[in-house]
Amino acid sequence: GPQFEKTVGAEPDPTRQAANCSQLRRNCRPSPLLRVPEIYWDYTSEQVLVMERMAGIPIGRTGELRTAGIDLKRLSRAGVEIFFTQVFRDGYFHADMHPGNIFVATDAANHGKYVALDFGIMGTLSETDKSYLAQNFLAFFRRDYHRVATSHTESGWVPPDTRSDELEPEIRVGCEPIFDRPLTEFSLGNVR
């Protein structure tokens, strides 16, 4: 998929994370589904990141979310909507969405909203990338692994001499287990 090598292995400095956060906040504001903290630029430097304090329950703690009165089905739908909006409308998205980075707000004003944290790894997509990603999603949900393989080759996400007939079984091995898992275990970090 899209490349993140530039950020892997070295945590971006606080000013870069602040800029990423600020961009995401601008893209999604106002959102009834997602809270992104405000950056306090006057106090942020290359050593220190200062942002609005956010509170909530980590998304992996489903028991606590239920106790707090969070509708998990609604939460799942909102998560999908947030992801598709960031990817296909903005072409700029939070690419490190593991449970430690995503909370759910429980205060009265923001009850049930996602809270995004840690903006070290962001993804950027061109219009061409968006097109290929959309084709990949469709093929993936249809379990058309041949189309996923050819789309990867056409988009340049794999080396040009990659043979689709050799890539297809690898994609099948990677994708099939996903269909048997609940959405709470689904991590985009594992979909490469």
C-alpha atoms as a PDB file:
ATOM      1  CA  GLY A   1       0.000   0.000   0.000  1.00  0.00           C
ATOM      2  CA  PRO A   2       1.045   3.655   0.382  1.00  0.00           C
ATOM      3  CA  GLN A   3       4.554   4.082   1.730  1.00  0.00           C
ATOM      4  CA  PHE A   4       5.298   5.181   5.297  1.00  0.00           C
ATOM      5  CA  GLU A   5       9.036   4.373   5.399  1.00  0.00           C
ATOM      6  CA  LYS A   6      10.065   7.982   5.979  1.00  0.00           C
ATOM      7  CA  THR A   7       8.517   7.988   9.450  1.00  0.00           C
ATOM      8  CA  VAL A   8       9.121   4.384  10.500  1.00  0.00           C
ATOM      9  CA  GLY A   9      12.071   3.934  12.839  1.00  0.00           C
ATOM     10  CA  ALA A  10      12.284   7.559  13.908  1.00  0.00           C
ATOM     11  CA  GLU A  11       9.514   9.264  15.849  1.00  0.00           C
ATOM     12  CA  PRO A  12       8.827  12.624  14.172  1.00  0.00           C
ATOM     13  CA  ASP A  13       9.764  15.681  16.184  1.00  0.00           C
ATOM     14  CA  PRO A  14       7.023  17.448  18.158  1.00  0.00           C
ATOM     15  CA  THR A  15       6.650  20.314  15.657  1.00  0.00           C
ATOM     16  CA  ARG A  16       5.964  17.831  12.840  1.00  0.00           C
ATOM     17  CA  GLN A  17       3.417  15.974  14.979  1.00  0.00           C
ATOM     18  CA  ALA A  18       1.846  19.322  15.873  1.00  0.00           C
ATOM     19  CA  ALA A  19       1.601  20.277  12.189  1.00  0.00           C
ATOM     20  CA  ASN A  20       0.048  16.881  11.360  1.00  0.00           C
ATOM     21  CA  CYS A  21      -2.477  17.269  14.169  1.00  0.00           C
ATOM     22  CA  SER A  22      -3.295  20.821  13.136  1.00  0.00           C
ATOM     23  CA  GLN A  23      -3.873  19.786   9.500  1.00  0.00           C
ATOM     24  CA  LEU A  24      -6.158  16.910  10.532  1.00  0.00           C
ATOM     25  CA  ARG A  25      -8.078  19.191  12.906  1.00  0.00           C
ATOM     26  CA  ARG A  26      -8.598  21.759  10.142  1.00  0.00           C
ATOM     27  CA  ASN A  27      -9.755  19.062   7.689  1.00  0.00           C
ATOM     28  CA  CYS A  28     -12.370  17.571   9.985  1.00  0.00           C
ATOM     29  CA  ARG A  29     -13.711  20.595  11.809  1.00  0.00           C
ATOM     30  CA  PRO A  30     -16.506  20.761  12.673  1.00  0.00           C
ATOM     31  CA  SER A  31     -17.178  17.035  13.020  1.00  0.00           C
ATOM     32  CA  PRO A  32     -19.980  15.396  14.985  1.00  0.00           C
ATOM     33  CA  LEU A  33     -17.906  12.173  15.016  1.00  0.00           C
ATOM     34  CA  LEU A  34     -14.287  13.070  15.797  1.00  0.00           C
ATOM     35  CA  ARG A  35     -12.318  15.291  18.187  1.00  0.00           C
ATOM     36  CA  VAL A  36      -8.785  16.332  17.317  1.00  0.00           C
ATOM     37  CA  PRO A  37      -6.916  18.324  19.971  1.00  0.00           C
ATOM     38  CA  GLU A  38      -5.960  21.947  19.457  1.00  0.00           C
ATOM     39  CA  ILE A  39      -2.211  22.648  19.353  1.00  0.00           C
ATOM     40  CA  TYR A  40      -0.874  25.377  21.620  1.00  0.00           C
ATOM     41  CA  TRP A  41       1.783  26.710  19.239  1.00  0.00           C
ATOM     42  CA  ASP A  42       3.147  29.311  21.682  1.00  0.00           C
ATOM     43  CA  TYR A  43       4.388  26.476  23.927  1.00  0.00           C
ATOM     44  CA  THR A  44       5.319  23.880  21.264  1.00  0.00           C
ATOM     45  CA  SER A  45       8.933  23.490  20.139  1.00  0.00           C
ATOM     46  CA  GLU A  46      11.200  20.856  18.601  1.00  0.00           C
ATOM     47  CA  GLN A  47      11.454  19.292  22.070  1.00  0.00           C
ATOM     48  CA  VAL A  48       7.941  19.728  23.438  1.00  0.00           C
ATOM     49  CA  LEU A  49       4.438  19.205  22.047  1.00  0.00           C
ATOM     50  CA  VAL A  50       1.698  21.024  23.973  1.00  0.00           C
ATOM     51  CA  MET A  51      -1.910  20.411  23.029  1.00  0.00           C
ATOM     52  CA  GLU A  52      -5.413  20.496  24.432  1.00  0.00           C
ATOM     53  CA  ARG A  53      -5.992  17.877  27.113  1.00  0.00           C
ATOM     54  CA  MET A  54      -8.302  15.120  25.853  1.00  0.00           C
ATOM     55  CA  ALA A  55     -10.213  12.616  27.965  1.00  0.00           C
ATOM     56  CA  GLY A  56     -11.937   9.361  27.131  1.00  0.00           C
ATOM     57  CA  ILE A  57     -11.876   5.584  27.222  1.00  0.00           C
ATOM     58  CA  PRO A  58      -9.422   3.700  24.965  1.00  0.00           C
ATOM     59  CA  ILE A  59     -11.424   2.107  22.145  1.00  0.00           C
ATOM     60  CA  GLY A  60     -10.163  -1.373  22.999  1.00  0.00           C
ATOM     61  CA  ARG A  61     -11.950  -1.354  26.378  1.00  0.00           C
ATOM     62  CA  THR A  62     -15.394  -2.361  25.108  1.00  0.00           C
ATOM     63  CA  GLY A  63     -16.725  -3.283  28.559  1.00  0.00           C
ATOM     64  CA  GLU A  64     -15.969   0.208  29.889  1.00  0.00           C
ATOM     65  CA  LEU A  65     -17.477   1.778  26.765  1.00  0.00           C
ATOM     66  CA  ARG A  66     -20.726  -0.183  27.252  1.00  0.00           C
ATOM     67  CA  THR A  67     -20.841   0.806  30.938  1.00  0.00           C
ATOM     68  CA  ALA A  68     -20.436   4.457  29.867  1.00  0.00           C
ATOM     69  CA  GLY A  69     -23.495   4.079  27.608  1.00  0.00           C
ATOM     70  CA  ILE A  70     -21.618   4.133  24.287  1.00  0.00           C
ATOM     71  CA  ASP A  71     -23.517   2.539  21.376  1.00  0.00           C
ATOM     72  CA  LEU A  72     -20.866   0.232  19.880  1.00  0.00           C
ATOM     73  CA  LYS A  73     -22.701  -0.268  16.564  1.00  0.00           C
ATOM     74  CA  ARG A  74     -22.976   3.484  16.098  1.00  0.00           C
ATOM     75  CA  LEU A  75     -19.309   3.803  17.088  1.00  0.00           C
ATOM     76  CA  SER A  76     -18.276   1.244  14.438  1.00  0.00           C
ATOM     77  CA  ARG A  77     -20.280   3.036  11.730  1.00  0.00           C
ATOM     78  CA  ALA A  78     -18.731   6.370  12.753  1.00  0.00           C
ATOM     79  CA  GLY A  79     -15.236   4.836  12.601  1.00  0.00           C
ATOM     80  CA  VAL A  80     -15.770   3.672   9.043  1.00  0.00           C
ATOM     81  CA  GLU A  81     -17.227   7.068   8.046  1.00  0.00           C
ATOM     82  CA  ILE A  82     -14.276   8.934   9.614  1.00  0.00           C
ATOM     83  CA  PHE A  83     -11.758   6.718   7.822  1.00  0.00           C
ATOM     84  CA  PHE A  84     -13.414   6.987   4.411  1.00  0.00           C
ATOM     85  CA  THR A  85     -13.854  10.758   4.797  1.00  0.00           C
ATOM     86  CA  GLN A  86     -10.178  11.239   5.684  1.00  0.00           C
ATOM     87  CA  VAL A  87      -8.968   8.964   2.898  1.00  0.00           C
ATOM     88  CA  PHE A  88     -11.286   9.790   0.012  1.00  0.00           C
ATOM     89  CA  ARG A  89     -12.328  13.399   0.709  1.00  0.00           C
ATOM     90  CA  ASP A  90      -9.118  14.756   2.230  1.00  0.00           C
ATOM     91  CA  GLY A  91      -6.439  12.317   1.017  1.00  0.00           C
ATOM     92  CA  TYR A  92      -4.847  12.861   4.442  1.00  0.00           C
ATOM     93  CA  PHE A  93      -5.403  10.434   7.273  1.00  0.00           C
ATOM     94  CA  HIS A  94      -4.293   9.145  10.646  1.00  0.00           C
ATOM     95  CA  ALA A  95      -2.278   6.055   9.653  1.00  0.00           C
ATOM     96  CA  ASP A  96      -1.494   4.720  13.138  1.00  0.00           C
ATOM     97  CA  MET A  97      -4.971   3.849  14.341  1.00  0.00           C
ATOM     98  CA  HIS A  98      -4.237   1.231  16.983  1.00  0.00           C
ATOM     99  CA  PRO A  99      -6.365   1.140  20.164  1.00  0.00           C
ATOM    100  CA  GLY A 100      -3.826   3.123  22.204  1.00  0.00           C
ATOM    101  CA  ASN A 101      -4.200   6.116  19.875  1.00  0.00           C
ATOM    102  CA  ILE A 102      -8.000   6.207  19.665  1.00  0.00           C
ATOM    103  CA  PHE A 103     -10.195   7.094  22.635  1.00  0.00           C
ATOM    104  CA  VAL A 104     -13.940   7.640  22.926  1.00  0.00           C
ATOM    105  CA  ALA A 105     -15.173  10.752  24.725  1.00  0.00           C
ATOM    106  CA  THR A 106     -17.657  10.234  27.551  1.00  0.00           C
ATOM    107  CA  ASP A 107     -18.234  13.827  28.701  1.00  0.00           C
ATOM    108  CA  ALA A 108     -21.715  15.246  28.102  1.00  0.00           C
ATOM    109  CA  ALA A 109     -20.702  17.657  25.312  1.00  0.00           C
ATOM    110  CA  ASN A 110     -18.822  15.044  23.243  1.00  0.00           C
ATOM    111  CA  HIS A 111     -20.362  11.733  24.347  1.00  0.00           C
ATOM    112  CA  GLY A 112     -19.586   8.967  21.844  1.00  0.00           C
ATOM    113  CA  LYS A 113     -17.159  10.971  19.691  1.00  0.00           C
ATOM    114  CA  TYR A 114     -13.829   9.498  18.683  1.00  0.00           C
ATOM    115  CA  VAL A 115     -10.726  11.218  20.075  1.00  0.00           C
ATOM    116  CA  ALA A 116      -7.601  11.014  17.893  1.00  0.00           C
ATOM    117  CA  LEU A 117      -4.172  11.049  19.558  1.00  0.00           C
ATOM    118  CA  ASP A 118      -0.536  10.606  18.433  1.00  0.00           C
ATOM    119  CA  PHE A 119       0.004  12.171  15.021  1.00  0.00           C
ATOM    120  CA  GLY A 120       3.444  10.742  14.283  1.00  0.00           C
ATOM    121  CA  ILE A 121       2.422   8.672  11.253  1.00  0.00           C
ATOM    122  CA  MET A 122       0.038  10.201   8.732  1.00  0.00           C
ATOM    123  CA  GLY A 123      -0.862   8.983   5.270  1.00  0.00           C
ATOM    124  CA  THR A 124      -1.176  11.160   2.179  1.00  0.00           C
ATOM    125  CA  LEU A 125      -2.909  10.015  -1.008  1.00  0.00           C
ATOM    126  CA  SER A 126      -2.941  11.489  -4.497  1.00  0.00           C
ATOM    127  CA  GLU A 127      -6.068  11.324  -6.673  1.00  0.00           C
ATOM    128  CA  THR A 128      -4.515   8.314  -8.458  1.00  0.00           C
ATOM    129  CA  ASP A 129      -3.844   6.596  -5.120  1.00  0.00           C
ATOM    130  CA  LYS A 130      -7.453   7.254  -4.064  1.00  0.00           C
ATOM    131  CA  SER A 131      -8.713   5.659  -7.271  1.00  0.00           C
ATOM    132  CA  TYR A 132      -6.583   2.546  -6.846  1.00  0.00           C
ATOM    133  CA  LEU A 133      -7.445   2.320  -3.165  1.00  0.00           C
ATOM    134  CA  ALA A 134     -11.168   2.446  -3.989  1.00  0.00           C
ATOM    135  CA  GLN A 135     -10.684  -0.316  -6.590  1.00  0.00           C
ATOM    136  CA  ASN A 136      -8.756  -2.336  -4.000  1.00  0.00           C
ATOM    137  CA  PHE A 137     -11.508  -1.975  -1.394  1.00  0.00           C
ATOM    138  CA  LEU A 138     -14.163  -3.112  -3.862  1.00  0.00           C
ATOM    139  CA  ALA A 139     -12.095  -6.075  -5.004  1.00  0.00           C
ATOM    140  CA  PHE A 140     -11.188  -6.922  -1.403  1.00  0.00           C
ATOM    141  CA  PHE A 141     -14.811  -7.001  -0.222  1.00  0.00           C
ATOM    142  CA  ARG A 142     -15.743  -9.111  -3.251  1.00  0.00           C
ATOM    143  CA  ARG A 143     -12.751 -11.365  -2.410  1.00  0.00           C
ATOM    144  CA  ASP A 144     -11.498 -10.794  -5.941  1.00  0.00           C
ATOM    145  CA  TYR A 145      -7.834 -11.284  -5.076  1.00  0.00           C
ATOM    146  CA  HIS A 146      -6.769 -11.322  -8.722  1.00  0.00           C
ATOM    147  CA  ARG A 147      -8.081  -7.744  -9.100  1.00  0.00           C
ATOM    148  CA  VAL A 148      -6.371  -6.689  -5.850  1.00  0.00           C
ATOM    149  CA  ALA A 149      -3.093  -8.079  -7.234  1.00  0.00           C
ATOM    150  CA  THR A 150      -3.399  -6.401 -10.649  1.00  0.00           C
ATOM    151  CA  SER A 151      -4.446  -3.112  -9.006  1.00  0.00           C
ATOM    152  CA  HIS A 152      -1.338  -3.193  -6.796  1.00  0.00           C
ATOM    153  CA  THR A 153       0.848  -3.663  -9.875  1.00  0.00           C
ATOM    154  CA  GLU A 154      -0.922  -0.980 -11.951  1.00  0.00           C
ATOM    155  CA  SER A 155      -0.722   1.566  -9.136  1.00  0.00           C
ATOM    156  CA  GLY A 156       3.018   1.083  -8.654  1.00  0.00           C
ATOM    157  CA  TRP A 157       2.576  -0.062  -5.031  1.00  0.00           C
ATOM    158  CA  VAL A 158       4.625  -3.178  -5.854  1.00  0.00           C
ATOM    159  CA  PRO A 159       7.660  -3.474  -8.213  1.00  0.00           C
ATOM    160  CA  PRO A 160       6.629  -3.382 -11.900  1.00  0.00           C
ATOM    161  CA  ASP A 161       8.033  -6.849 -12.618  1.00  0.00           C
ATOM    162  CA  THR A 162       5.806  -8.452  -9.942  1.00  0.00           C
ATOM    163  CA  ARG A 163       3.677 -11.211 -11.440  1.00  0.00           C
ATOM    164  CA  SER A 164      -0.002 -10.902 -10.479  1.00  0.00           C
ATOM    165  CA  ASP A 165      -0.459 -14.699 -10.515  1.00  0.00           C
ATOM    166  CA  GLU A 166       2.292 -15.009  -7.882  1.00  0.00           C
ATOM    167  CA  LEU A 167       1.026 -12.066  -5.817  1.00  0.00           C
ATOM    168  CA  GLU A 168      -2.602 -13.246  -5.757  1.00  0.00           C
ATOM    169  CA  PRO A 169      -2.105 -16.246  -3.385  1.00  0.00           C
ATOM    170  CA  GLU A 170      -0.067 -14.025  -1.015  1.00  0.00           C
ATOM    171  CA  ILE A 171      -2.901 -11.505  -0.906  1.00  0.00           C
ATOM    172  CA  ARG A 172      -5.412 -14.298  -0.263  1.00  0.00           C
ATOM    173  CA  VAL A 173      -3.329 -15.531   2.703  1.00  0.00           C
ATOM    174  CA  GLY A 174      -3.190 -11.996   4.099  1.00  0.00           C
ATOM    175  CA  CYS A 175      -6.854 -11.133   3.529  1.00  0.00           C
ATOM    176  CA  GLU A 176      -8.878 -14.241   4.311  1.00  0.00           C
ATOM    177  CA  PRO A 177      -8.275 -14.151   8.090  1.00  0.00           C
ATOM    178  CA  ILE A 178      -9.592 -10.558   8.182  1.00  0.00           C
ATOM    179  CA  PHE A 179     -13.070 -11.685   7.114  1.00  0.00           C
ATOM    180  CA  ASP A 180     -13.321 -13.934  10.176  1.00  0.00           C
ATOM    181  CA  ARG A 181     -12.362 -11.259  12.715  1.00  0.00           C
ATOM    182  CA  PRO A 182     -14.562  -8.739  14.513  1.00  0.00           C
ATOM    183  CA  LEU A 183     -14.024  -5.118  13.472  1.00  0.00           C
ATOM    184  CA  THR A 184     -12.519  -4.252  16.876  1.00  0.00           C
ATOM    185  CA  GLU A 185      -9.443  -6.361  16.007  1.00  0.00           C
ATOM    186  CA  PHE A 186      -9.048  -4.830  12.557  1.00  0.00           C
ATOM    187  CA  SER A 187      -5.915  -2.697  12.251  1.00  0.00           C
ATOM    188  CA  LEU A 188      -4.945  -0.770   9.141  1.00  0.00           C
ATOM    189  CA  GLY A 189      -1.360  -1.072  10.266  1.00  0.00           C
ATOM    190  CA  ASN A 190      -1.530  -4.764   9.370  1.00  0.00           C
ATOM    191  CA  VAL A 191      -2.981  -4.177   5.905  1.00  0.00           C
ATOM    192  CA  ARG A 192       0.050  -3.550   3.723  1.00  0.00           C
END
